[in-house]
N, C-alpha and C. Protein backbone atom coordinates (compact mmCIF):
# COMPACT_ATOMS: atom_id res chain seq x y z
N MET A 1 112.91 75.44 101.68
CA MET A 1 111.87 75.61 100.62
C MET A 1 110.78 76.54 100.99
N ILE A 2 110.37 76.45 102.23
CA ILE A 2 109.26 77.29 102.65
C ILE A 2 109.72 78.78 102.67
N GLN A 3 110.95 78.96 102.97
CA GLN A 3 111.45 80.36 102.95
C GLN A 3 111.38 80.88 101.57
N ALA A 4 111.78 80.12 100.59
CA ALA A 4 111.74 80.52 99.17
C ALA A 4 110.32 80.83 98.73
N LEU A 5 109.38 79.96 99.18
CA LEU A 5 108.01 80.20 98.81
C LEU A 5 107.50 81.51 99.42
N VAL A 6 107.85 81.82 100.69
CA VAL A 6 107.36 83.07 101.24
C VAL A 6 108.02 84.24 100.61
N VAL A 7 109.32 84.17 100.31
CA VAL A 7 109.98 85.32 99.72
C VAL A 7 109.43 85.54 98.27
N SER A 8 109.20 84.49 97.57
CA SER A 8 108.64 84.57 96.20
C SER A 8 107.28 85.25 96.24
N LEU A 9 106.48 84.78 97.13
CA LEU A 9 105.14 85.30 97.21
C LEU A 9 105.14 86.73 97.69
N ALA A 10 105.93 87.09 98.63
CA ALA A 10 106.02 88.49 99.09
C ALA A 10 106.47 89.39 97.98
N LEU A 11 107.47 88.96 97.28
CA LEU A 11 108.02 89.72 96.18
C LEU A 11 106.96 89.92 95.05
N THR A 12 106.29 88.89 94.69
CA THR A 12 105.27 88.90 93.75
C THR A 12 104.13 89.80 94.11
N LEU A 13 103.69 89.75 95.39
CA LEU A 13 102.62 90.57 95.83
C LEU A 13 103.02 92.06 95.77
N ALA A 14 104.24 92.42 96.24
CA ALA A 14 104.73 93.74 96.18
C ALA A 14 104.82 94.24 94.72
N LEU A 15 105.33 93.49 93.85
CA LEU A 15 105.54 93.93 92.50
C LEU A 15 104.16 93.99 91.77
N GLU A 16 103.34 93.07 91.89
CA GLU A 16 102.06 93.12 91.17
C GLU A 16 101.15 94.15 91.77
N ALA A 17 101.19 94.37 93.05
CA ALA A 17 100.38 95.46 93.69
C ALA A 17 100.98 96.81 93.17
N GLY A 18 102.28 96.91 93.06
CA GLY A 18 102.79 98.16 92.47
C GLY A 18 102.45 98.36 91.07
N PHE A 19 102.45 97.26 90.27
CA PHE A 19 101.98 97.28 88.94
C PHE A 19 100.49 97.76 88.81
N PHE A 20 99.72 97.18 89.74
CA PHE A 20 98.31 97.65 89.80
C PHE A 20 98.13 99.10 89.99
N LEU A 21 98.88 99.64 90.93
CA LEU A 21 98.82 101.11 91.20
C LEU A 21 99.42 101.88 90.02
N LEU A 22 100.54 101.40 89.43
CA LEU A 22 101.12 102.11 88.30
C LEU A 22 100.19 102.13 87.16
N ALA A 23 99.37 101.12 87.02
CA ALA A 23 98.37 101.04 85.95
C ALA A 23 97.14 102.01 86.23
N GLY A 24 97.18 102.66 87.33
CA GLY A 24 96.19 103.69 87.61
C GLY A 24 94.89 103.10 88.32
N MET A 25 95.09 101.80 88.72
CA MET A 25 93.93 101.19 89.33
C MET A 25 93.94 101.47 90.83
N ARG A 26 92.76 101.74 91.45
CA ARG A 26 92.65 102.12 92.88
C ARG A 26 91.67 101.37 93.63
N ASP A 27 90.83 100.57 93.00
CA ASP A 27 89.76 99.88 93.63
C ASP A 27 90.28 98.91 94.69
N LYS A 28 89.82 99.06 95.97
CA LYS A 28 90.36 98.25 97.01
C LYS A 28 89.98 96.74 96.88
N LYS A 29 88.80 96.56 96.38
CA LYS A 29 88.39 95.11 96.20
C LYS A 29 89.12 94.50 95.07
N ASP A 30 89.47 95.20 94.01
CA ASP A 30 90.26 94.68 92.94
C ASP A 30 91.66 94.39 93.49
N MET A 31 92.20 95.20 94.35
CA MET A 31 93.54 95.00 94.94
C MET A 31 93.50 93.72 95.80
N LEU A 32 92.40 93.59 96.56
CA LEU A 32 92.25 92.35 97.37
C LEU A 32 92.20 91.13 96.48
N LEU A 33 91.51 91.21 95.33
CA LEU A 33 91.37 90.10 94.36
C LEU A 33 92.75 89.77 93.83
N LEU A 34 93.54 90.81 93.52
CA LEU A 34 94.94 90.54 93.00
C LEU A 34 95.74 89.80 94.06
N VAL A 35 95.65 90.29 95.27
CA VAL A 35 96.41 89.55 96.35
C VAL A 35 95.92 88.10 96.52
N LEU A 36 94.61 87.89 96.56
CA LEU A 36 94.09 86.51 96.77
C LEU A 36 94.48 85.60 95.56
N VAL A 37 94.35 86.05 94.36
CA VAL A 37 94.71 85.14 93.22
C VAL A 37 96.16 84.83 93.22
N ASN A 38 97.02 85.81 93.65
CA ASN A 38 98.42 85.54 93.68
C ASN A 38 98.74 84.58 94.81
N ILE A 39 98.07 84.65 95.90
CA ILE A 39 98.28 83.70 97.05
C ILE A 39 97.99 82.34 96.59
N VAL A 40 97.05 82.18 95.68
CA VAL A 40 96.68 80.84 95.16
C VAL A 40 97.73 80.36 94.09
N THR A 41 98.01 81.23 93.12
CA THR A 41 98.75 80.79 92.01
C THR A 41 100.34 80.77 92.25
N ASN A 42 100.85 81.77 92.94
CA ASN A 42 102.34 81.86 93.07
C ASN A 42 102.89 80.65 93.75
N PRO A 43 102.43 80.18 94.93
CA PRO A 43 103.06 79.00 95.57
C PRO A 43 103.00 77.75 94.70
N VAL A 44 101.92 77.60 93.91
CA VAL A 44 101.83 76.43 93.01
C VAL A 44 102.84 76.48 91.96
N VAL A 45 103.00 77.63 91.30
CA VAL A 45 103.98 77.80 90.25
C VAL A 45 105.39 77.60 90.81
N VAL A 46 105.70 78.25 91.86
CA VAL A 46 107.06 78.12 92.47
C VAL A 46 107.36 76.76 92.89
N LEU A 47 106.44 76.05 93.57
CA LEU A 47 106.60 74.70 94.02
C LEU A 47 106.84 73.73 92.86
N LEU A 48 105.99 73.85 91.90
CA LEU A 48 106.14 72.96 90.65
C LEU A 48 107.42 73.23 89.93
N TYR A 49 107.76 74.47 89.80
CA TYR A 49 109.12 74.75 89.20
C TYR A 49 110.26 74.16 89.96
N TRP A 50 110.19 74.31 91.33
CA TRP A 50 111.25 73.81 92.17
C TRP A 50 111.33 72.28 92.06
N LEU A 51 110.18 71.63 92.07
CA LEU A 51 110.19 70.14 92.01
C LEU A 51 110.69 69.68 90.66
N ALA A 52 110.35 70.35 89.57
CA ALA A 52 110.89 69.98 88.28
C ALA A 52 112.37 70.18 88.17
N SER A 53 112.92 71.26 88.75
CA SER A 53 114.28 71.49 88.77
C SER A 53 115.13 70.51 89.57
N VAL A 54 114.51 70.03 90.61
CA VAL A 54 115.22 69.06 91.48
C VAL A 54 115.11 67.64 91.00
N TYR A 55 113.89 67.30 90.54
CA TYR A 55 113.67 65.85 90.27
C TYR A 55 113.59 65.44 88.80
N THR A 56 113.79 66.42 87.91
CA THR A 56 113.81 66.06 86.44
C THR A 56 115.05 66.62 85.79
N ASP A 57 115.32 66.22 84.64
CA ASP A 57 116.41 66.74 83.83
C ASP A 57 115.78 67.71 82.67
N TRP A 58 114.58 68.07 82.89
CA TRP A 58 113.97 68.93 81.91
C TRP A 58 114.61 70.27 81.74
N ASN A 59 114.62 70.78 80.54
CA ASN A 59 115.01 72.17 80.32
C ASN A 59 113.99 73.02 81.00
N LEU A 60 114.44 73.88 81.96
CA LEU A 60 113.49 74.62 82.82
C LEU A 60 112.72 75.63 82.08
N VAL A 61 113.22 76.09 80.88
CA VAL A 61 112.41 77.00 80.09
C VAL A 61 111.13 76.35 79.66
N PHE A 62 111.17 75.09 79.39
CA PHE A 62 109.94 74.31 79.07
C PHE A 62 109.05 73.96 80.26
N VAL A 63 109.53 74.31 81.41
CA VAL A 63 108.73 74.15 82.59
C VAL A 63 108.05 75.49 83.00
N ILE A 64 108.90 76.55 82.98
CA ILE A 64 108.40 77.88 83.42
C ILE A 64 107.34 78.42 82.49
N ILE A 65 107.46 78.20 81.18
CA ILE A 65 106.47 78.76 80.19
C ILE A 65 105.12 78.21 80.51
N PRO A 66 104.89 76.91 80.49
CA PRO A 66 103.49 76.51 80.86
C PRO A 66 102.98 76.88 82.27
N LEU A 67 103.94 76.92 83.22
CA LEU A 67 103.48 77.37 84.54
C LEU A 67 103.03 78.84 84.49
N GLU A 68 103.79 79.63 83.84
CA GLU A 68 103.38 81.10 83.85
C GLU A 68 102.11 81.28 83.02
N ILE A 69 101.95 80.48 81.92
CA ILE A 69 100.69 80.59 81.24
C ILE A 69 99.53 80.11 82.08
N PHE A 70 99.70 79.13 82.89
CA PHE A 70 98.61 78.65 83.84
C PHE A 70 98.39 79.81 84.76
N ALA A 71 99.28 80.45 85.35
CA ALA A 71 99.04 81.55 86.29
C ALA A 71 98.35 82.71 85.61
N ILE A 72 98.77 83.05 84.40
CA ILE A 72 98.18 84.09 83.59
C ILE A 72 96.69 83.89 83.35
N LEU A 73 96.42 82.61 82.98
CA LEU A 73 95.01 82.26 82.58
C LEU A 73 94.13 82.24 83.82
N ILE A 74 94.63 81.62 84.91
CA ILE A 74 93.79 81.58 86.11
C ILE A 74 93.58 82.99 86.65
N GLU A 75 94.63 83.85 86.75
CA GLU A 75 94.46 85.10 87.26
C GLU A 75 93.56 86.00 86.34
N GLY A 76 93.74 85.93 85.04
CA GLY A 76 92.91 86.65 84.07
C GLY A 76 91.48 86.21 84.23
N TYR A 77 91.22 84.97 84.40
CA TYR A 77 89.91 84.53 84.56
C TYR A 77 89.23 85.09 85.77
N CYS A 78 89.97 85.10 86.90
CA CYS A 78 89.48 85.66 88.17
C CYS A 78 89.19 87.15 88.07
N TYR A 79 90.16 87.86 87.40
CA TYR A 79 89.98 89.31 87.17
C TYR A 79 88.72 89.56 86.36
N ASN A 80 88.56 88.78 85.32
CA ASN A 80 87.40 88.94 84.41
C ASN A 80 86.08 88.67 85.16
N LYS A 81 86.10 87.60 85.91
CA LYS A 81 84.83 87.06 86.55
C LYS A 81 84.49 87.94 87.81
N TYR A 82 85.49 88.25 88.59
CA TYR A 82 85.18 88.85 89.90
C TYR A 82 85.70 90.34 90.04
N GLY A 83 86.52 90.82 89.09
CA GLY A 83 87.02 92.14 89.12
C GLY A 83 85.98 93.23 88.74
N ARG A 84 86.22 94.38 89.22
CA ARG A 84 85.29 95.47 88.88
C ARG A 84 85.92 96.47 87.91
N GLY A 85 87.26 96.62 88.10
CA GLY A 85 87.93 97.73 87.24
C GLY A 85 88.94 97.21 86.20
N PHE A 86 88.94 95.92 85.96
CA PHE A 86 89.91 95.34 85.05
C PHE A 86 89.24 95.44 83.65
N LYS A 87 89.67 96.44 82.80
CA LYS A 87 89.08 96.60 81.51
C LYS A 87 89.46 95.46 80.52
N ARG A 88 90.74 95.07 80.60
CA ARG A 88 91.28 93.97 79.78
C ARG A 88 91.98 93.03 80.80
N PRO A 89 91.22 92.22 81.45
CA PRO A 89 91.80 91.37 82.53
C PRO A 89 92.90 90.50 82.16
N TYR A 90 92.85 89.88 80.91
CA TYR A 90 93.92 88.95 80.50
C TYR A 90 95.17 89.71 80.13
N VAL A 91 94.97 90.89 79.56
CA VAL A 91 96.15 91.73 79.22
C VAL A 91 96.83 92.20 80.49
N PHE A 92 96.01 92.60 81.46
CA PHE A 92 96.54 92.99 82.73
C PHE A 92 97.31 91.89 83.40
N SER A 93 96.72 90.66 83.34
CA SER A 93 97.36 89.50 83.91
C SER A 93 98.77 89.22 83.22
N VAL A 94 98.74 89.27 81.90
CA VAL A 94 99.99 89.02 81.22
C VAL A 94 101.10 90.09 81.66
N CYS A 95 100.70 91.37 81.63
CA CYS A 95 101.62 92.42 81.93
C CYS A 95 102.09 92.37 83.40
N ALA A 96 101.20 92.13 84.32
CA ALA A 96 101.54 92.07 85.73
C ALA A 96 102.53 90.88 85.97
N ASN A 97 102.14 89.75 85.40
CA ASN A 97 102.96 88.56 85.57
C ASN A 97 104.38 88.68 84.93
N MET A 98 104.39 89.23 83.75
CA MET A 98 105.76 89.43 83.13
C MET A 98 106.60 90.45 83.83
N PHE A 99 105.93 91.51 84.35
CA PHE A 99 106.68 92.49 85.13
C PHE A 99 107.21 91.84 86.41
N SER A 100 106.42 91.10 87.14
CA SER A 100 106.95 90.42 88.35
C SER A 100 107.98 89.35 88.07
N TYR A 101 107.77 88.59 87.00
CA TYR A 101 108.65 87.53 86.63
C TYR A 101 110.04 88.10 86.28
N TRP A 102 110.06 89.04 85.28
CA TRP A 102 111.31 89.61 84.80
C TRP A 102 112.06 90.46 85.90
N THR A 103 111.27 91.07 86.73
CA THR A 103 111.92 91.80 87.86
C THR A 103 112.62 90.79 88.80
N GLY A 104 111.85 89.70 89.05
CA GLY A 104 112.49 88.56 89.85
C GLY A 104 113.72 88.05 89.27
N VAL A 105 113.76 87.87 87.93
CA VAL A 105 114.93 87.33 87.25
C VAL A 105 116.04 88.33 87.41
N LEU A 106 115.81 89.67 87.24
CA LEU A 106 116.81 90.66 87.35
C LEU A 106 117.34 90.69 88.73
N ILE A 107 116.45 90.61 89.81
CA ILE A 107 116.96 90.55 91.18
C ILE A 107 117.88 89.36 91.39
N GLN A 108 117.46 88.19 90.97
CA GLN A 108 118.33 86.99 91.16
C GLN A 108 119.65 87.17 90.43
N PHE A 109 119.67 87.79 89.26
CA PHE A 109 120.90 88.02 88.53
C PHE A 109 121.80 88.98 89.33
N LEU A 110 121.24 89.95 89.95
CA LEU A 110 122.04 90.97 90.65
C LEU A 110 122.60 90.52 91.98
N ILE A 111 121.91 89.51 92.61
CA ILE A 111 122.42 89.10 93.91
C ILE A 111 123.20 87.83 93.87
């Protein structure tokens, strides 16, 4: 499980940092903020998803949606409150999270 958490976090950091750069953002403190908020939110989301998949019979679509919304709201709040160059912090959070989530889904499908 720890290996899965580390891989998920590393992939998320790489993808969202890449998205940050593709969005034309270059502020080093904002990049650090992106890394820090993902270090906080990603392991929580991945762990709760894993626990739900192992210990419940819930439809996992109904697990991942609230977890992703949680991550988007927390990250958007942090970008809004502490960021310097996030013009639309919640929109950025939605786009960055959806980019990393769907890229992760694609990678899992391909391997």
